[in-house]
């Protein structure tokens, strides 16, 4: 049992407690101090990983504040270092600090391989030192000031100063207190850049200090990635389920501004923003807390984008369940289809439906079933065994007869399938099942001939319009109610493609046709054929192609031959 041990001050670094013990005891040998505290003279005065805390705690009174876990949580930097580490590393690091050696812990947590430079020279805030002396009669080292991401004092918003205490290899057994000698008024001030960077550096310092005071729920690397992607989706930084890296990078640069130049002194790769891409994709190793702090602060500053599907939860529309209409769907997945945002609403009962935003009606489309749920297939199998008719089964299942017939085929092919999702994943097997009827192959030659006839008739209709209407593929497809259909099948419709290449009008061809029509209209009405009159009736712009202008001049010169 130790005869004397210093009082623990708020947010005091454990190294500072040992230094004050060394000073108060009047010891001149750091190794003697280590022997008294830890039972060994080889203990290292580490800033990040103090060791042998189990031995130290056993020599102190049986009080809660002296429990090794409490010492680690309240007087070391470990809550900060473990905030975003893997869950399996938490217990191992704490156990090594209490009972074993701390060798390899920095390598385990990725500190050695990190681009973030660690603090090797203790720092202090003059305002905090004055308050300590006024309240406790002595000053001490604050653990918050020793975090690499803290350049400003979170309490006083003043740049930190560098003390004379350097924890180098030659000085690793020394215990030096925060005194006037080690923390003089002439100590150099940390460079915090332009005043515009101070606000962001202060937010980073405050968030870093919060990590020391709270116990975060341990998450795996994949869970952190999923959480960030959810936040990015809510803030509008996901595009087609992929992170919009350019927009994200530009947003982070704009948000932090000059602060990134200051932080470059902490991490040489901070301005390259490679760490952003690492946090947003599958992570293979733990990243430094500074990177997590920067990304989380940026996301917190952005308002959630308003989804066209509204705020959740959303209702389940399964007509076969008692919870029909209850808002049980908490998350939805979205994708793009033909320029529209489609939302997939999936309930835990297996039922799922889709909706999209209708730009013409400025409203959400009607729900379309995507998966029918577990109950659907159970009842479908039951009614089939009972020999119930097609239409009767459709009425009981609240679907149309075609859906019943299609799902019966799938159910017969896979009787063990519980959901339509399981069935849809076996499409390749369905195609190989000889018992399932195959749709006949499309006779594209016959389709090409039929479409050629239809398009020829459509062209004749367009050419008869008065005043003339331009012949375009879109116009013809609109008349035949097949917009966009033929353009995707050009290789399968050679005759139609050749015909359309001949009849589709360019801008100049259409303008010339309108010129002839305007000239004939004026001649039939007995009006003098003038260039300006033809141009006005044909609605020609002031600037036209040379061939159109030449045609107009010829019409005026040869008006008697029309």
Protein backbone atom coordinates (compact mmCIF):
# COMPACT_ATOMS: atom_id res chain seq x y z
CA UNK A 1 0.00 0.00 0.00
CA UNK A 2 1.32 3.40 -0.97
CA UNK A 3 1.66 5.80 1.94
CA UNK A 4 0.82 8.77 -0.28
CA UNK A 5 -0.84 9.28 -3.67
CA UNK A 6 -1.82 12.64 -5.23
CA UNK A 7 -5.39 13.78 -5.62
CA UNK A 8 -6.82 13.11 -9.09
CA UNK A 9 -7.87 16.31 -10.83
CA UNK A 10 -10.56 16.58 -13.56
CA UNK A 11 -9.31 15.62 -17.02
CA UNK A 12 -5.80 15.12 -15.69
CA UNK A 13 -3.52 12.91 -17.69
CA UNK A 14 -2.29 9.87 -15.76
CA UNK A 15 1.27 10.81 -16.71
CA UNK A 16 0.67 14.11 -14.88
CA UNK A 17 -0.48 12.25 -11.74
CA UNK A 18 2.72 10.20 -11.72
CA UNK A 19 4.82 13.34 -12.32
CA UNK A 20 3.20 15.10 -9.35
CA UNK A 21 3.79 11.98 -7.21
CA UNK A 22 7.43 12.04 -8.26
CA UNK A 23 7.72 15.74 -7.36
CA UNK A 24 5.79 15.57 -4.08
CA UNK A 25 7.87 12.62 -2.88
CA UNK A 26 11.03 14.59 -3.63
CA UNK A 27 12.41 11.62 -5.55
CA UNK A 28 15.48 12.18 -7.72
CA UNK A 29 15.26 8.81 -9.53
CA UNK A 30 12.46 8.17 -12.06
CA UNK A 31 13.14 4.45 -11.86
CA UNK A 32 12.61 4.53 -8.12
CA UNK A 33 9.27 6.21 -8.70
CA UNK A 34 8.31 3.50 -11.22
CA UNK A 35 9.33 0.83 -8.73
CA UNK A 36 7.12 2.33 -6.05
CA UNK A 37 4.11 2.77 -8.33
CA UNK A 38 4.24 -0.31 -10.56
CA UNK A 39 6.56 -2.76 -8.81
CA UNK A 40 9.10 -2.53 -11.61
CA UNK A 41 11.75 0.01 -12.56
CA UNK A 42 11.35 -0.64 -16.29
CA UNK A 43 7.94 1.05 -16.67
CA UNK A 44 7.86 3.64 -19.45
CA UNK A 45 6.29 7.06 -18.97
CA UNK A 46 3.98 6.63 -21.96
CA UNK A 47 1.52 9.26 -23.05
CA UNK A 48 -0.89 6.95 -24.92
CA UNK A 49 -0.46 3.59 -23.17
CA UNK A 50 0.41 3.67 -19.45
CA UNK A 51 1.17 0.19 -18.12
CA UNK A 52 0.83 -1.95 -14.98
CA UNK A 53 -2.29 -0.17 -13.78
CA UNK A 54 -3.45 -3.34 -12.05
CA UNK A 55 -0.41 -3.25 -9.76
CA UNK A 56 -0.91 0.46 -9.13
CA UNK A 57 -4.59 0.01 -8.26
CA UNK A 58 -3.79 -2.79 -5.82
CA UNK A 59 -1.54 -0.40 -3.85
CA UNK A 60 -4.22 2.30 -3.56
CA UNK A 61 -7.23 2.45 -1.24
CA UNK A 62 -10.26 0.45 -2.32
CA UNK A 63 -12.16 3.37 -3.82
CA UNK A 64 -14.08 3.60 -7.15
CA UNK A 65 -11.86 6.36 -8.56
CA UNK A 66 -8.79 4.11 -8.19
CA UNK A 67 -10.22 1.15 -10.12
CA UNK A 68 -8.01 0.50 -13.17
CA UNK A 69 -10.97 0.71 -15.57
CA UNK A 70 -11.92 4.07 -14.06
CA UNK A 71 -8.35 5.34 -14.36
CA UNK A 72 -8.29 4.34 -18.02
CA UNK A 73 -11.65 5.95 -18.79
CA UNK A 74 -11.05 9.25 -17.00
CA UNK A 75 -7.29 9.85 -17.08
CA UNK A 76 -5.88 8.35 -20.29
CA UNK A 77 -6.25 8.96 -24.03
CA UNK A 78 -7.66 5.47 -24.65
CA UNK A 79 -11.34 6.53 -24.96
CA UNK A 80 -10.24 8.68 -27.88
CA UNK A 81 -8.00 6.04 -29.46
CA UNK A 82 -10.58 3.26 -29.07
CA UNK A 83 -13.61 5.31 -30.17
CA UNK A 84 -13.55 3.92 -33.73
CA UNK A 85 -11.41 0.82 -33.23
CA UNK A 86 -12.57 -2.74 -33.82
CA UNK A 87 -14.66 -4.24 -30.98
CA UNK A 88 -12.27 -7.17 -30.52
CA UNK A 89 -9.43 -4.73 -29.81
CA UNK A 90 -11.16 -2.97 -26.91
CA UNK A 91 -10.90 -5.71 -24.29
CA UNK A 92 -7.43 -6.74 -25.43
CA UNK A 93 -5.99 -3.23 -25.14
CA UNK A 94 -7.57 -2.62 -21.72
CA UNK A 95 -6.43 -6.01 -20.42
CA UNK A 96 -2.84 -5.40 -21.58
CA UNK A 97 -2.72 -2.00 -19.90
CA UNK A 98 -4.04 -3.40 -16.63
CA UNK A 99 -2.23 -6.74 -16.43
CA UNK A 100 0.32 -7.09 -19.18
CA UNK A 101 2.72 -5.34 -21.48
CA UNK A 102 1.76 -2.48 -23.80
CA UNK A 103 4.16 -3.58 -26.54
CA UNK A 104 2.44 -3.72 -29.92
CA UNK A 105 -0.72 -1.83 -28.91
CA UNK A 106 0.12 1.15 -31.12
CA UNK A 107 0.59 -1.23 -34.03
CA UNK A 108 -2.65 -3.05 -33.19
CA UNK A 109 -4.71 0.16 -33.27
CA UNK A 110 -3.08 1.38 -36.49
CA UNK A 111 -1.37 4.36 -34.85
CA UNK A 112 2.03 3.40 -36.19
CA UNK A 113 0.81 3.10 -39.78
CA UNK A 114 -1.41 6.18 -39.58
CA UNK A 115 -0.43 9.36 -41.40
CA UNK A 116 -1.57 11.40 -38.37
CA UNK A 117 1.45 12.57 -36.39
CA UNK A 118 1.32 11.73 -32.70
CA UNK A 119 1.97 14.25 -29.95
CA UNK A 120 5.49 13.84 -28.57
CA UNK A 121 5.79 17.28 -26.96
CA UNK A 122 3.32 18.06 -24.16
CA UNK A 123 1.07 21.06 -24.70
CA UNK A 124 -0.75 23.43 -22.40
CA UNK A 125 -3.19 26.34 -22.30
CA UNK A 126 -2.02 29.38 -20.26
CA UNK A 127 -5.61 30.26 -19.27
CA UNK A 128 -6.22 26.72 -18.01
CA UNK A 129 -2.95 26.80 -16.06
CA UNK A 130 -3.97 30.00 -14.26
CA UNK A 131 -7.33 28.51 -13.31
CA UNK A 132 -5.65 25.33 -12.00
CA UNK A 133 -3.29 27.29 -9.80
CA UNK A 134 -6.13 29.43 -8.46
CA UNK A 135 -8.31 26.39 -7.65
CA UNK A 136 -5.85 23.62 -6.72
CA UNK A 137 -2.63 25.48 -5.95
CA UNK A 138 -0.75 23.74 -8.73
CA UNK A 139 -1.09 23.06 -12.44
CA UNK A 140 -1.21 19.75 -14.28
CA UNK A 141 -1.25 18.26 -17.76
CA UNK A 142 -4.73 18.13 -19.32
CA UNK A 143 -5.30 15.01 -21.40
CA UNK A 144 -7.56 16.93 -23.84
CA UNK A 145 -4.63 19.17 -24.82
CA UNK A 146 -2.52 16.14 -25.76
CA UNK A 147 -4.87 14.88 -28.49
CA UNK A 148 -3.38 15.31 -31.98
CA UNK A 149 -6.65 16.76 -33.30
CA UNK A 150 -6.79 19.49 -30.61
CA UNK A 151 -4.93 22.67 -31.60
CA UNK A 152 -7.14 25.12 -29.71
CA UNK A 153 -8.22 24.87 -26.10
CA UNK A 154 -11.89 23.73 -26.29
CA UNK A 155 -12.68 25.76 -23.16
CA UNK A 156 -10.94 29.08 -23.88
CA UNK A 157 -10.63 28.98 -27.68
CA UNK A 158 -6.95 29.87 -27.45
CA UNK A 159 -4.10 28.24 -29.39
CA UNK A 160 -2.17 25.72 -27.32
CA UNK A 161 1.50 26.23 -26.49
CA UNK A 162 4.38 23.78 -26.67
CA UNK A 163 6.06 22.97 -23.37
CA UNK A 164 9.67 21.96 -22.81
CA UNK A 165 8.66 18.34 -22.07
CA UNK A 166 9.50 16.12 -25.03
CA UNK A 167 8.69 12.42 -24.63
CA UNK A 168 11.56 11.13 -26.72
CA UNK A 169 13.35 7.82 -26.40
CA UNK A 170 16.01 9.41 -24.19
CA UNK A 171 13.34 10.87 -21.92
CA UNK A 172 10.92 7.93 -21.72
CA UNK A 173 11.48 7.26 -17.98
CA UNK A 174 11.20 10.89 -16.85
CA UNK A 175 8.20 12.35 -15.01
CA UNK A 176 8.00 16.13 -15.47
CA UNK A 177 5.23 18.29 -14.06
CA UNK A 178 3.46 21.23 -15.67
CA UNK A 179 5.33 23.98 -13.87
CA UNK A 180 6.60 27.48 -14.66
CA UNK A 181 9.88 25.96 -15.81
CA UNK A 182 8.30 23.52 -18.29
CA UNK A 183 5.46 25.86 -19.34
CA UNK A 184 6.94 29.37 -19.57
CA UNK A 185 5.08 32.36 -20.95
CA UNK A 186 7.53 32.47 -23.83
CA UNK A 187 6.63 28.95 -24.99
CA UNK A 188 5.95 28.74 -28.75
CA UNK A 189 2.32 28.87 -29.87
CA UNK A 190 0.84 26.25 -32.19
CA UNK A 191 0.18 27.54 -35.69
CA UNK A 192 -3.59 27.70 -36.24
CA UNK A 193 -3.46 29.59 -39.52
CA UNK A 194 -5.83 32.36 -40.52
CA UNK A 195 -8.68 33.51 -38.26
CA UNK A 196 -11.17 31.93 -40.69
CA UNK A 197 -9.86 28.49 -39.70
CA UNK A 198 -10.42 29.01 -35.95
CA UNK A 199 -14.12 28.19 -35.96
CA UNK A 200 -13.60 24.81 -37.62
CA UNK A 201 -10.54 23.96 -35.48
CA UNK A 202 -12.59 24.75 -32.39
CA UNK A 203 -15.35 22.36 -33.50
CA UNK A 204 -12.75 19.64 -34.08
CA UNK A 205 -11.24 20.24 -30.64
CA UNK A 206 -14.65 20.13 -28.95
CA UNK A 207 -15.66 16.92 -30.72
CA UNK A 208 -12.30 15.37 -29.78
CA UNK A 209 -12.84 16.32 -26.14
CA UNK A 210 -16.30 14.74 -26.26
CA UNK A 211 -14.76 11.41 -27.29
CA UNK A 212 -12.81 11.39 -24.03
CA UNK A 213 -15.96 11.89 -21.96
CA UNK A 214 -18.29 9.37 -23.54
CA UNK A 215 -18.32 5.63 -24.07
CA UNK A 216 -19.20 4.88 -27.67
CA UNK A 217 -20.84 1.65 -28.74
CA UNK A 218 -18.22 -0.51 -30.42
CA UNK A 219 -18.91 -1.07 -34.11
CA UNK A 220 -17.22 -3.23 -36.68
CA UNK A 221 -15.57 -1.63 -39.68
CA UNK A 222 -18.44 -2.70 -41.93
CA UNK A 223 -20.95 -1.20 -39.49
CA UNK A 224 -19.13 2.14 -39.56
CA UNK A 225 -19.14 2.05 -43.38
CA UNK A 226 -22.87 1.26 -43.45
CA UNK A 227 -23.57 4.06 -40.99
CA UNK A 228 -21.63 6.60 -43.05
CA UNK A 229 -23.35 5.52 -46.26
CA UNK A 230 -26.75 5.92 -44.61
CA UNK A 231 -25.78 9.43 -43.55
CA UNK A 232 -24.47 10.22 -47.03
CA UNK A 233 -27.71 8.96 -48.56
CA UNK A 234 -29.77 11.11 -46.18
CA UNK A 235 -27.65 14.16 -47.06
CA UNK A 236 -27.86 13.57 -50.81
CA UNK A 237 -24.29 12.40 -51.50
CA UNK A 238 -25.23 9.03 -53.01
CA UNK A 239 -25.88 8.65 -56.74
CA UNK A 240 -27.07 5.33 -58.11
CA UNK A 241 -26.06 3.69 -54.80
CA UNK A 242 -22.51 5.02 -55.31
CA UNK A 243 -20.88 7.84 -53.38
CA UNK A 244 -20.65 11.05 -55.38
CA UNK A 245 -16.96 11.50 -54.58
CA UNK A 246 -16.49 14.79 -56.42
CA UNK A 247 -19.43 16.44 -54.70
CA UNK A 248 -18.35 15.05 -51.33
CA UNK A 249 -14.75 16.22 -51.76
CA UNK A 250 -15.83 19.67 -52.89
CA UNK A 251 -18.22 19.94 -49.95
CA UNK A 252 -15.56 18.98 -47.40
CA UNK A 253 -13.04 21.42 -48.90
CA UNK A 254 -15.59 24.22 -48.83
CA UNK A 255 -16.69 23.44 -45.26
CA UNK A 256 -13.22 23.31 -43.68
CA UNK A 257 -11.55 25.85 -45.95
CA UNK A 258 -8.29 27.16 -44.47
CA UNK A 259 -8.50 24.65 -41.62
CA UNK A 260 -7.32 21.90 -43.98
CA UNK A 261 -4.06 23.77 -44.52
CA UNK A 262 -3.52 23.89 -40.75
CA UNK A 263 -4.42 20.22 -40.34
CA UNK A 264 -1.85 19.37 -42.98
CA UNK A 265 0.70 19.80 -40.21
CA UNK A 266 -1.01 16.89 -38.40
CA UNK A 267 -1.57 14.61 -41.38
CA UNK A 268 0.37 14.98 -44.61
CA UNK A 269 -2.51 13.45 -46.63
CA UNK A 270 -5.33 15.49 -45.08
CA UNK A 271 -5.82 17.72 -48.14
CA UNK A 272 -5.79 14.83 -50.59
CA UNK A 273 -9.03 13.58 -49.00
CA UNK A 274 -8.15 9.93 -49.70
CA UNK A 275 -9.35 9.12 -46.19
CA UNK A 276 -12.87 10.17 -47.22
CA UNK A 277 -13.04 7.44 -49.85
CA UNK A 278 -11.67 4.88 -47.37
CA UNK A 279 -14.33 5.66 -44.77
CA UNK A 280 -17.14 5.43 -47.34
CA UNK A 281 -16.18 2.07 -48.82
CA UNK A 282 -15.31 -1.33 -47.38
CA UNK A 283 -12.68 -0.68 -44.73
CA UNK A 284 -9.84 -3.12 -44.22
CA UNK A 285 -8.20 -1.45 -41.23
CA UNK A 286 -9.09 1.03 -38.53
CA UNK A 287 -8.73 4.70 -39.38
CA UNK A 288 -7.51 7.45 -37.06
CA UNK A 289 -10.23 9.19 -35.00
CA UNK A 290 -9.32 12.52 -36.62
CA UNK A 291 -10.68 11.34 -39.97
CA UNK A 292 -13.92 10.12 -38.38
CA UNK A 293 -14.29 13.44 -36.57
CA UNK A 294 -13.85 15.44 -39.77
CA UNK A 295 -16.42 13.40 -41.70
CA UNK A 296 -18.99 13.31 -38.88
CA UNK A 297 -18.75 17.08 -38.30
CA UNK A 298 -19.26 17.73 -42.01
CA UNK A 299 -22.28 15.42 -42.20
CA UNK A 300 -23.79 16.99 -39.07
CA UNK A 301 -23.57 20.40 -40.72
CA UNK A 302 -25.63 19.28 -43.73
CA UNK A 303 -29.42 19.13 -43.53
CA UNK A 304 -31.07 15.91 -44.56
CA UNK A 305 -32.27 16.05 -48.14
CA UNK A 306 -36.01 15.81 -48.56
CA UNK A 307 -36.90 12.48 -50.16
CA UNK A 308 -39.69 12.33 -52.73
CA UNK A 309 -41.01 9.37 -50.73
CA UNK A 310 -41.41 11.44 -47.57
CA UNK A 311 -40.20 10.60 -44.09
CA UNK A 312 -40.54 7.08 -42.73
CA UNK A 313 -41.75 4.80 -41.45
CA UNK A 314 -43.90 3.70 -44.37
CA UNK A 315 -46.96 1.40 -44.39
CA UNK A 316 -47.01 -2.26 -45.35
CA UNK A 317 -49.56 -2.93 -48.10
CA UNK A 318 -49.77 -6.71 -47.76
CA UNK A 319 -53.52 -7.47 -48.01
CA UNK A 320 -53.03 -10.94 -46.52
CA UNK A 321 -51.60 -9.72 -43.18
CA UNK A 322 -53.40 -8.24 -40.21
CA UNK A 323 -50.92 -5.39 -40.05
CA UNK A 324 -52.12 -4.04 -43.42
CA UNK A 325 -51.65 -0.26 -43.41
CA UNK A 326 -49.40 -0.19 -40.34
CA UNK A 327 -46.17 1.80 -40.70
CA UNK A 328 -43.70 -1.05 -40.21
CA UNK A 329 -41.14 -0.23 -42.94
CA UNK A 330 -38.34 1.88 -41.44
CA UNK A 331 -35.87 1.94 -44.35
CA UNK A 332 -36.23 1.85 -48.13
CA UNK A 333 -33.80 1.27 -50.96
CA UNK A 334 -33.75 3.44 -54.06
CA UNK A 335 -32.44 3.10 -57.59
CA UNK A 336 -32.75 4.91 -60.91
CA UNK A 337 -34.78 3.60 -63.84
CA UNK A 338 -35.19 5.63 -67.07
CA UNK A 339 -34.32 8.83 -65.23
CA UNK A 340 -36.82 8.22 -62.43
CA UNK A 341 -36.10 7.53 -58.78
CA UNK A 342 -37.70 4.24 -57.76
CA UNK A 343 -38.20 3.33 -54.10
CA UNK A 344 -38.45 -0.28 -52.91
CA UNK A 345 -40.51 -0.69 -49.73
CA UNK A 346 -39.87 -4.08 -48.10
CA UNK A 347 -41.61 -5.32 -44.94
CA UNK A 348 -40.35 -8.06 -42.64
CA UNK A 349 -43.37 -10.19 -43.66
CA UNK A 350 -41.73 -10.63 -47.08
CA UNK A 351 -44.06 -8.29 -48.94
CA UNK A 352 -42.42 -5.52 -50.98
CA UNK A 353 -43.68 -2.90 -53.38
CA UNK A 354 -42.22 -0.11 -55.51
CA UNK A 355 -43.22 3.49 -56.17
CA UNK A 356 -41.69 6.25 -58.29
CA UNK A 357 -42.17 9.98 -58.67
CA UNK A 358 -44.47 10.93 -61.56
CA UNK A 359 -43.15 14.18 -63.05
CA UNK A 360 -46.31 14.79 -65.09
CA UNK A 361 -48.73 14.47 -62.18
CA UNK A 362 -46.23 15.75 -59.61
CA UNK A 363 -47.15 12.88 -57.32
CA UNK A 364 -46.03 9.41 -56.37
CA UNK A 365 -47.12 6.59 -58.63
CA UNK A 366 -49.42 3.83 -57.46
CA UNK A 367 -47.70 1.03 -55.52
CA UNK A 368 -46.67 -1.96 -57.63
CA UNK A 369 -46.09 -5.32 -55.87
CA UNK A 370 -42.53 -6.58 -56.12
CA UNK A 371 -42.62 -9.56 -53.73
CA UNK A 372 -45.81 -11.07 -52.35
CA UNK A 373 -44.61 -12.35 -48.99
CA UNK A 374 -44.54 -15.66 -47.12
CA UNK A 375 -48.28 -15.89 -46.50
CA UNK A 376 -49.04 -15.50 -50.20
CA UNK A 377 -47.15 -18.65 -51.18
CA UNK A 378 -48.48 -20.64 -48.26
CA UNK A 379 -52.06 -19.85 -49.26
CA UNK A 380 -51.30 -20.35 -52.96
CA UNK A 381 -50.00 -23.83 -52.24
CA UNK A 382 -52.99 -24.57 -50.02
CA UNK A 383 -55.57 -23.45 -52.60
CA UNK A 384 -53.79 -25.40 -55.32
CA UNK A 385 -53.96 -28.59 -53.28
CA UNK A 386 -57.66 -27.96 -52.68
CA UNK A 387 -58.25 -27.66 -56.43
CA UNK A 388 -59.60 -24.12 -56.18
CA UNK A 389 -60.19 -22.36 -59.48
CA UNK A 390 -57.96 -19.70 -60.95
CA UNK A 391 -60.31 -16.73 -60.51
CA UNK A 392 -61.41 -17.80 -57.04
CA UNK A 393 -57.78 -18.09 -55.97
CA UNK A 394 -57.06 -14.65 -57.43
CA UNK A 395 -59.93 -13.10 -55.45
CA UNK A 396 -58.76 -14.65 -52.17
CA UNK A 397 -55.16 -13.55 -52.74
CA UNK A 398 -56.13 -10.03 -53.94
CA UNK A 399 -54.26 -10.34 -57.25
CA UNK A 400 -55.23 -10.84 -60.87
CA UNK A 401 -55.50 -14.32 -62.46
CA UNK A 402 -52.36 -13.80 -64.57
CA UNK A 403 -50.32 -13.25 -61.40
CA UNK A 404 -51.74 -16.44 -59.87
CA UNK A 405 -50.87 -18.41 -62.98
CA UNK A 406 -47.33 -17.04 -63.11
CA UNK A 407 -46.64 -17.64 -59.43
CA UNK A 408 -48.11 -21.15 -59.66
CA UNK A 409 -45.52 -22.02 -62.28
CA UNK A 410 -42.76 -20.71 -60.04
CA UNK A 411 -44.16 -22.44 -56.98
CA UNK A 412 -44.41 -25.78 -58.79
CA UNK A 413 -40.82 -25.39 -59.94
CA UNK A 414 -39.62 -24.56 -56.41
CA UNK A 415 -42.09 -25.94 -53.82
CA UNK A 416 -39.77 -25.03 -50.92
CA UNK A 417 -39.59 -21.34 -51.84
CA UNK A 418 -41.08 -19.20 -49.13
CA UNK A 419 -40.94 -15.82 -50.84
CA UNK A 420 -41.02 -14.46 -54.32
CA UNK A 421 -37.49 -13.15 -53.74
CA UNK A 422 -36.23 -16.71 -53.34
CA UNK A 423 -38.05 -17.66 -56.52
CA UNK A 424 -36.79 -14.75 -58.57
CA UNK A 425 -33.20 -15.61 -57.71
CA UNK A 426 -33.60 -18.93 -59.59
CA UNK A 427 -34.53 -17.54 -63.01
CA UNK A 428 -31.67 -19.35 -64.67
CA UNK A 429 -32.96 -22.68 -63.34
CA UNK A 430 -36.47 -21.87 -64.55
CA UNK A 431 -35.22 -21.44 -68.09
CA UNK A 432 -33.69 -24.94 -67.97
CA UNK A 433 -36.80 -26.62 -66.58
CA UNK A 434 -38.48 -28.46 -69.45
CA UNK A 435 -41.79 -28.63 -67.60
CA UNK A 436 -42.21 -24.86 -67.82
CA UNK A 437 -43.55 -23.56 -71.13
CA UNK A 438 -41.25 -21.24 -73.01
CA UNK A 439 -42.47 -18.18 -74.84
CA UNK A 440 -42.07 -18.51 -78.63
CA UNK A 441 -39.13 -16.70 -80.14
CA UNK A 442 -39.95 -13.37 -81.78
CA UNK A 443 -40.03 -13.41 -85.59
CA UNK A 444 -38.19 -10.14 -86.10
CA UNK A 445 -38.45 -10.33 -89.88
CA UNK A 446 -42.24 -10.33 -89.65
CA UNK A 447 -42.16 -7.57 -87.07
CA UNK A 448 -39.91 -5.53 -89.37
CA UNK A 449 -42.36 -5.91 -92.28
CA UNK A 450 -45.39 -5.02 -90.17
CA UNK A 451 -43.72 -1.97 -88.67
CA UNK A 452 -42.54 -0.82 -92.09
CA UNK A 453 -46.15 -0.76 -93.31
CA UNK A 454 -47.32 1.09 -90.20
CA UNK A 455 -44.57 3.69 -90.41
CA UNK A 456 -45.22 4.28 -94.13
CA UNK A 457 -48.85 5.02 -93.36
CA UNK A 458 -47.78 7.28 -90.47
CA UNK A 459 -45.42 9.21 -92.76
CA UNK A 460 -48.26 9.80 -95.26
CA UNK A 461 -50.43 11.13 -92.44
CA UNK A 462 -47.70 13.53 -91.26
CA UNK A 463 -47.02 14.80 -94.80
CA UNK A 464 -50.71 15.65 -95.20
CA UNK A 465 -50.72 17.97 -92.21
CA UNK A 466 -51.30 21.67 -92.88
CA UNK A 467 -49.27 23.69 -92.06
CA UNK A 468 -46.44 21.17 -92.56
CA UNK A 469 -45.16 19.17 -89.60
CA UNK A 470 -41.62 17.88 -89.48
CA UNK A 471 -41.18 14.14 -89.99
CA UNK A 472 -39.15 12.79 -87.05
CA UNK A 473 -38.76 9.41 -85.42
CA UNK A 474 -40.37 10.67 -82.22
CA UNK A 475 -43.38 12.01 -84.12
CA UNK A 476 -43.93 8.72 -85.94
CA UNK A 477 -43.44 6.64 -82.80
CA UNK A 478 -45.88 8.88 -80.96
CA UNK A 479 -48.53 8.25 -83.61
CA UNK A 480 -47.97 4.49 -83.35
CA UNK A 481 -47.75 4.53 -79.51
CA UNK A 482 -44.25 3.02 -79.40
CA UNK A 483 -42.05 5.90 -78.26
CA UNK A 484 -38.45 4.77 -77.87
CA UNK A 485 -39.20 1.17 -78.84
CA UNK A 486 -37.75 1.02 -82.36
CA UNK A 487 -34.67 3.10 -81.55
CA UNK A 488 -33.47 0.39 -79.16
CA UNK A 489 -33.93 -2.34 -81.78
CA UNK A 490 -32.28 -0.81 -84.83
CA UNK A 491 -30.19 -3.92 -85.51
CA UNK A 492 -33.28 -6.14 -85.45
CA UNK A 493 -35.32 -3.95 -87.84
CA UNK A 494 -33.11 -3.35 -90.91
CA UNK A 495 -35.89 -2.49 -93.41
CA UNK A 496 -37.55 -0.04 -91.09
CA UNK A 497 -34.23 1.57 -90.20
CA UNK A 498 -33.36 2.01 -93.89
CA UNK A 499 -36.79 3.55 -94.59
CA UNK A 500 -36.60 5.96 -91.68
CA UNK A 501 -33.13 7.09 -92.73
CA UNK A 502 -34.67 8.20 -96.03
CA UNK A 503 -37.85 9.91 -94.81
CA UNK A 504 -36.77 11.56 -91.56
CA UNK A 505 -36.27 15.26 -92.24
CA UNK A 506 -33.39 17.40 -91.14
CA UNK A 507 -33.99 20.98 -90.06
CA UNK A 508 -33.00 22.33 -93.50
CA UNK A 509 -35.21 19.80 -95.35
CA UNK A 510 -38.20 20.73 -93.24
CA UNK A 511 -37.64 24.47 -93.68
CA UNK A 512 -37.38 24.07 -97.45
CA UNK A 513 -40.65 22.11 -97.52
CA UNK A 514 -42.34 24.87 -95.55
CA UNK A 515 -41.02 27.44 -98.04
CA UNK A 516 -42.66 25.63 -100.96
CA UNK A 517 -45.89 25.30 -99.01
CA UNK A 518 -45.90 29.01 -98.11
CA UNK A 519 -45.22 30.05 -101.71
CA UNK A 520 -48.08 27.89 -103.02
CA UNK A 521 -50.43 29.22 -100.37
CA UNK A 522 -49.64 32.80 -101.40
CA UNK A 523 -50.06 31.97 -105.10
CA UNK A 524 -53.48 30.36 -104.50
CA UNK A 525 -54.64 33.46 -102.62
CA UNK A 526 -53.36 35.78 -105.34
CA UNK A 527 -50.86 37.53 -103.08
CA UNK A 528 -47.55 38.87 -104.52
CA UNK A 529 -44.74 36.49 -103.73
CA UNK A 530 -42.17 38.39 -101.77
CA UNK A 531 -39.26 37.00 -99.78
CA UNK A 532 -40.31 38.60 -96.52
CA UNK A 533 -43.90 37.36 -96.96
CA UNK A 534 -42.74 33.76 -97.55
CA UNK A 535 -40.35 33.93 -94.60
CA UNK A 536 -43.10 35.18 -92.28
CA UNK A 537 -45.69 32.61 -93.39
CA UNK A 538 -43.14 29.76 -93.17
CA UNK A 539 -42.06 30.97 -89.70
CA UNK A 540 -38.41 30.95 -90.66
CA UNK A 541 -35.86 32.35 -88.19
CA UNK A 542 -33.63 35.22 -89.21
CA UNK A 543 -30.56 33.00 -89.47
CA UNK A 544 -30.97 29.90 -91.64
CA UNK A 545 -28.60 27.61 -93.48
CA UNK A 546 -27.31 28.77 -96.92
CA UNK A 547 -29.26 26.11 -98.83
CA UNK A 548 -32.52 27.33 -97.26
CA UNK A 549 -31.73 30.95 -98.12
CA UNK A 550 -30.87 30.00 -101.74
CA UNK A 551 -34.16 28.10 -102.07
CA UNK A 552 -36.06 31.19 -100.91
CA UNK A 553 -34.35 33.38 -103.51
CA UNK A 554 -35.11 30.87 -106.30
CA UNK A 555 -38.79 30.76 -105.29
CA UNK A 556 -39.04 34.54 -105.57
CA UNK A 557 -37.28 34.60 -108.96
CA UNK A 558 -39.32 31.72 -110.41
CA UNK A 559 -42.67 32.54 -108.85
CA UNK A 560 -44.43 32.40 -112.22
CA UNK A 561 -43.37 28.75 -112.64
CA UNK A 562 -44.89 27.56 -109.35
